PDB file of N, CA and C in Angstrom:
ATOM      1  N   MET A   1     -12.474  -2.752  16.310  1.00  0.00           N
ATOM      2  CA  MET A   1     -12.269  -3.419  15.037  1.00  0.00           C
ATOM      3  C   MET A   1     -11.743  -2.444  13.992  1.00  0.00           C
ATOM      4  N   THR A   2     -12.231  -1.218  14.028  1.00  0.00           N
ATOM      5  CA  THR A   2     -11.787  -0.229  13.056  1.00  0.00           C
ATOM      6  C   THR A   2     -10.313   0.107  13.252  1.00  0.00           C
ATOM      7  N   ALA A   3      -9.887   0.227  14.488  1.00  0.00           N
ATOM      8  CA  ALA A   3      -8.478   0.540  14.757  1.00  0.00           C
ATOM      9  C   ALA A   3      -7.578  -0.591  14.269  1.00  0.00           C
ATOM     10  N   PHE A   4      -7.998  -1.830  14.468  1.00  0.00           N
ATOM     11  CA  PHE A   4      -7.232  -2.974  13.986  1.00  0.00           C
ATOM     12  C   PHE A   4      -7.128  -2.945  12.462  1.00  0.00           C
ATOM     13  N   THR A   5      -8.202  -2.615  11.796  1.00  0.00           N
ATOM     14  CA  THR A   5      -8.207  -2.547  10.335  1.00  0.00           C
ATOM     15  C   THR A   5      -7.263  -1.463   9.834  1.00  0.00           C
ATOM     16  N   ILE A   6      -7.283  -0.317  10.465  1.00  0.00           N
ATOM     17  CA  ILE A   6      -6.409   0.786  10.055  1.00  0.00           C
ATOM     18  C   ILE A   6      -4.948   0.417  10.267  1.00  0.00           C
ATOM     19  N   VAL A   7      -4.619  -0.197  11.393  1.00  0.00           N
ATOM     20  CA  VAL A   7      -3.239  -0.608  11.660  1.00  0.00           C
ATOM     21  C   VAL A   7      -2.799  -1.655  10.642  1.00  0.00           C
ATOM     22  N   LEU A   8      -3.667  -2.593  10.324  1.00  0.00           N
ATOM     23  CA  LEU A   8      -3.348  -3.613   9.334  1.00  0.00           C
ATOM     24  C   LEU A   8      -3.105  -2.995   7.958  1.00  0.00           C
ATOM     25  N   ILE A   9      -3.914  -2.032   7.573  1.00  0.00           N
ATOM     26  CA  ILE A   9      -3.739  -1.345   6.295  1.00  0.00           C
ATOM     27  C   ILE A   9      -2.403  -0.604   6.263  1.00  0.00           C
ATOM     28  N   ILE A  10      -2.045   0.028   7.365  1.00  0.00           N
ATOM     29  CA  ILE A  10      -0.775   0.763   7.423  1.00  0.00           C
ATOM     30  C   ILE A  10       0.412  -0.191   7.297  1.00  0.00           C
ATOM     31  N   PHE A  11       0.343  -1.336   7.979  1.00  0.00           N
ATOM     32  CA  PHE A  11       1.432  -2.318   7.865  1.00  0.00           C
ATOM     33  C   PHE A  11       1.552  -2.848   6.445  1.00  0.00           C
ATOM     34  N   ILE A  12       0.436  -3.146   5.810  1.00  0.00           N
ATOM     35  CA  ILE A  12       0.467  -3.645   4.435  1.00  0.00           C
ATOM     36  C   ILE A  12       1.021  -2.570   3.501  1.00  0.00           C
ATOM     37  N   PHE A  13       0.659  -1.306   3.737  1.00  0.00           N
ATOM     38  CA  PHE A  13       1.175  -0.223   2.909  1.00  0.00           C
ATOM     39  C   PHE A  13       2.693  -0.119   3.032  1.00  0.00           C
ATOM     40  N   PHE A  14       3.202  -0.155   4.260  1.00  0.00           N
ATOM     41  CA  PHE A  14       4.649  -0.028   4.446  1.00  0.00           C
ATOM     42  C   PHE A  14       5.404  -1.212   3.850  1.00  0.00           C
ATOM     43  N   TYR A  15       4.847  -2.404   3.962  1.00  0.00           N
ATOM     44  CA  TYR A  15       5.493  -3.576   3.381  1.00  0.00           C
ATOM     45  C   TYR A  15       5.544  -3.458   1.853  1.00  0.00           C
ATOM     46  N   THR A  16       4.432  -3.056   1.247  1.00  0.00           N
ATOM     47  CA  THR A  16       4.367  -2.926  -0.206  1.00  0.00           C
ATOM     48  C   THR A  16       5.224  -1.765  -0.695  1.00  0.00           C
ATOM     49  N   ALA A  17       5.226  -0.653   0.035  1.00  0.00           N
ATOM     50  CA  ALA A  17       6.067   0.481  -0.345  1.00  0.00           C
ATOM     51  C   ALA A  17       7.545   0.126  -0.203  1.00  0.00           C
ATOM     52  N   GLY A  18       7.895  -0.674   0.774  1.00  0.00           N
ATOM     53  CA  GLY A  18       9.274  -1.131   0.921  1.00  0.00           C
ATOM     54  C   GLY A  18       9.702  -2.009  -0.236  1.00  0.00           C
ATOM     55  N   TYR A  19       8.800  -2.850  -0.697  1.00  0.00           N
ATOM     56  CA  TYR A  19       9.090  -3.671  -1.870  1.00  0.00           C
ATOM     57  C   TYR A  19       9.270  -2.784  -3.101  1.00  0.00           C
ATOM     58  N   SER A  20       8.463  -1.744  -3.197  1.00  0.00           N
ATOM     59  CA  SER A  20       8.597  -0.797  -4.300  1.00  0.00           C
ATOM     60  C   SER A  20       9.959  -0.105  -4.258  1.00  0.00           C
ATOM     61  N   LEU A  21      10.403   0.253  -3.087  1.00  0.00           N
ATOM     62  CA  LEU A  21      11.724   0.868  -2.931  1.00  0.00           C
ATOM     63  C   LEU A  21      12.835  -0.098  -3.335  1.00  0.00           C
ATOM     64  N   GLN A  22      12.676  -1.361  -2.979  1.00  0.00           N
ATOM     65  CA  GLN A  22      13.663  -2.368  -3.368  1.00  0.00           C
ATOM     66  C   GLN A  22      13.714  -2.524  -4.887  1.00  0.00           C
ATOM     67  N   LEU A  23      12.558  -2.509  -5.539  1.00  0.00           N
ATOM     68  CA  LEU A  23      12.531  -2.585  -6.996  1.00  0.00           C
ATOM     69  C   LEU A  23      13.216  -1.371  -7.617  1.00  0.00           C
ATOM     70  N   TRP A  24      13.035  -0.202  -7.026  1.00  0.00           N
ATOM     71  CA  TRP A  24      13.660   1.015  -7.539  1.00  0.00           C
ATOM     72  C   TRP A  24      15.185   0.910  -7.463  1.00  0.00           C
ATOM     73  N   LYS A  25      15.683   0.354  -6.356  1.00  0.00           N
ATOM     74  CA  LYS A  25      17.125   0.193  -6.194  1.00  0.00           C
ATOM     75  C   LYS A  25      17.699  -0.806  -7.196  1.00  0.00           C
ATOM     76  N   GLU A  26      16.888  -1.756  -7.628  1.00  0.00           N
ATOM     77  CA  GLU A  26      17.330  -2.748  -8.608  1.00  0.00           C
ATOM     78  C   GLU A  26      17.142  -2.252 -10.046  1.00  0.00           C
ATOM     79  N   LYS A  27      16.863  -0.968 -10.201  1.00  0.00           N
ATOM     80  CA  LYS A  27      16.705  -0.320 -11.502  1.00  0.00           C
ATOM     81  C   LYS A  27      15.476  -0.803 -12.274  1.00  0.00           C
ATOM     82  N   ASN A  28      14.473  -1.299 -11.571  1.00  0.00           N
ATOM     83  CA  ASN A  28      13.210  -1.679 -12.195  1.00  0.00           C
ATOM     84  C   ASN A  28      12.194  -0.581 -11.895  1.00  0.00           C
ATOM     85  N   LYS A  29      12.334   0.532 -12.585  1.00  0.00           N
ATOM     86  CA  LYS A  29      11.564   1.717 -12.260  1.00  0.00           C
ATOM     87  C   LYS A  29      10.080   1.569 -12.594  1.00  0.00           C
ATOM     88  N   LEU A  30       9.751   0.947 -13.722  1.00  0.00           N
ATOM     89  CA  LEU A  30       8.342   0.773 -14.089  1.00  0.00           C
ATOM     90  C   LEU A  30       7.632  -0.138 -13.088  1.00  0.00           C
ATOM     91  N   GLY A  31       8.282  -1.219 -12.698  1.00  0.00           N
ATOM     92  CA  GLY A  31       7.704  -2.112 -11.699  1.00  0.00           C
ATOM     93  C   GLY A  31       7.548  -1.431 -10.352  1.00  0.00           C
ATOM     94  N   SER A  32       8.508  -0.601 -10.003  1.00  0.00           N
ATOM     95  CA  SER A  32       8.459   0.117  -8.737  1.00  0.00           C
ATOM     96  C   SER A  32       7.285   1.081  -8.693  1.00  0.00           C
ATOM     97  N   ILE A  33       7.089   1.801  -9.771  1.00  0.00           N
ATOM     98  CA  ILE A  33       5.972   2.749  -9.837  1.00  0.00           C
ATOM     99  C   ILE A  33       4.646   2.008  -9.787  1.00  0.00           C
ATOM    100  N   SER A  34       4.557   0.883 -10.475  1.00  0.00           N
ATOM    101  CA  SER A  34       3.321   0.090 -10.476  1.00  0.00           C
ATOM    102  C   SER A  34       2.996  -0.442  -9.086  1.00  0.00           C
ATOM    103  N   VAL A  35       3.991  -0.950  -8.394  1.00  0.00           N
ATOM    104  CA  VAL A  35       3.774  -1.479  -7.049  1.00  0.00           C
ATOM    105  C   VAL A  35       3.408  -0.357  -6.082  1.00  0.00           C
ATOM    106  N   PHE A  36       3.997   0.820  -6.248  1.00  0.00           N
ATOM    107  CA  PHE A  36       3.649   1.940  -5.366  1.00  0.00           C
ATOM    108  C   PHE A  36       2.214   2.404  -5.609  1.00  0.00           C
ATOM    109  N   ILE A  37       1.771   2.400  -6.853  1.00  0.00           N
ATOM    110  CA  ILE A  37       0.372   2.740  -7.141  1.00  0.00           C
ATOM    111  C   ILE A  37      -0.558   1.712  -6.503  1.00  0.00           C
ATOM    112  N   LEU A  38      -0.165   0.442  -6.544  1.00  0.00           N
ATOM    113  CA  LEU A  38      -0.928  -0.600  -5.870  1.00  0.00           C
ATOM    114  C   LEU A  38      -0.990  -0.340  -4.366  1.00  0.00           C
ATOM    115  N   ALA A  39       0.116   0.089  -3.776  1.00  0.00           N
ATOM    116  CA  ALA A  39       0.149   0.393  -2.345  1.00  0.00           C
ATOM    117  C   ALA A  39      -0.781   1.558  -2.020  1.00  0.00           C
ATOM    118  N   LEU A  40      -0.810   2.565  -2.870  1.00  0.00           N
ATOM    119  CA  LEU A  40      -1.723   3.685  -2.646  1.00  0.00           C
ATOM    120  C   LEU A  40      -3.182   3.241  -2.762  1.00  0.00           C
ATOM    121  N   ALA A  41      -3.454   2.349  -3.706  1.00  0.00           N
ATOM    122  CA  ALA A  41      -4.812   1.830  -3.851  1.00  0.00           C
ATOM    123  C   ALA A  41      -5.217   1.026  -2.617  1.00  0.00           C
ATOM    124  N   LEU A  42      -4.260   0.330  -2.014  1.00  0.00           N
ATOM    125  CA  LEU A  42      -4.542  -0.419  -0.789  1.00  0.00           C
ATOM    126  C   LEU A  42      -4.929   0.504   0.363  1.00  0.00           C
ATOM    127  N   VAL A  43      -4.400   1.703   0.366  1.00  0.00           N
ATOM    128  CA  VAL A  43      -4.722   2.648   1.432  1.00  0.00           C
ATOM    129  C   VAL A  43      -6.067   3.322   1.177  1.00  0.00           C
ATOM    130  N   VAL A  44      -6.337   3.682  -0.057  1.00  0.00           N
ATOM    131  CA  VAL A  44      -7.529   4.474  -0.375  1.00  0.00           C
ATOM    132  C   VAL A  44      -8.806   3.625  -0.405  1.00  0.00           C
ATOM    133  N   THR A  45      -8.741   2.441  -0.965  1.00  0.00           N
ATOM    134  CA  THR A  45      -9.943   1.619  -1.186  1.00  0.00           C
ATOM    135  C   THR A  45     -10.727   1.297   0.078  1.00  0.00           C
ATOM    136  N   PRO A  46     -10.110   0.889   1.184  1.00  0.00           N
ATOM    137  CA  PRO A  46     -10.915   0.549   2.371  1.00  0.00           C
ATOM    138  C   PRO A  46     -11.706   1.727   2.943  1.00  0.00           C
ATOM    139  N   PHE A  47     -11.250   2.929   2.738  1.00  0.00           N
ATOM    140  CA  PHE A  47     -11.985   4.069   3.264  1.00  0.00           C
ATOM    141  C   PHE A  47     -13.283   4.308   2.516  1.00  0.00           C
ATOM    142  N   PHE A  48     -13.397   3.773   1.305  1.00  0.00           N
ATOM    143  CA  PHE A  48     -14.635   3.887   0.549  1.00  0.00           C
ATOM    144  C   PHE A  48     -15.515   2.656   0.702  1.00  0.00           C
ATOM    145  N   THR A  49     -14.976   1.562   1.198  1.00  0.00           N
ATOM    146  CA  THR A  49     -15.756   0.326   1.295  1.00  0.00           C
ATOM    147  C   THR A  49     -15.957  -0.107   2.741  1.00  0.00           C
ATOM    148  N   VAL A  50     -14.920  -0.611   3.381  1.00  0.00           N
ATOM    149  CA  VAL A  50     -15.041  -1.219   4.704  1.00  0.00           C
ATOM    150  C   VAL A  50     -15.251  -0.181   5.799  1.00  0.00           C
ATOM    151  N   LEU A  51     -14.526   0.915   5.726  1.00  0.00           N
ATOM    152  CA  LEU A  51     -14.571   1.906   6.797  1.00  0.00           C
ATOM    153  C   LEU A  51     -15.587   3.017   6.566  1.00  0.00           C
ATOM    154  N   ASN A  52     -16.469   2.831   5.597  1.00  0.00           N
ATOM    155  CA  ASN A  52     -17.471   3.854   5.274  1.00  0.00           C
ATOM    156  C   ASN A  52     -18.665   3.720   6.227  1.00  0.00           C
ATOM    157  N   LYS A  53     -18.694   4.609   7.233  1.00  0.00           N
ATOM    158  CA  LYS A  53     -19.807   4.569   8.191  1.00  0.00           C
ATOM    159  C   LYS A  53     -20.406   5.920   8.373  1.00  0.00           C
TER     160      LYS A  53
END
């Protein structure tokens, strides 16, 4: 179950980071930075909550 959770988190991170890259290309730099911070929060948060064993 833990491996599935980690893989799911990685896929969500790459999808969100890709969206952030697309926003950057469209010259929406503030939105891009905000979405990338959200992507980083998606990676960090589960290690303190769900995966804390």
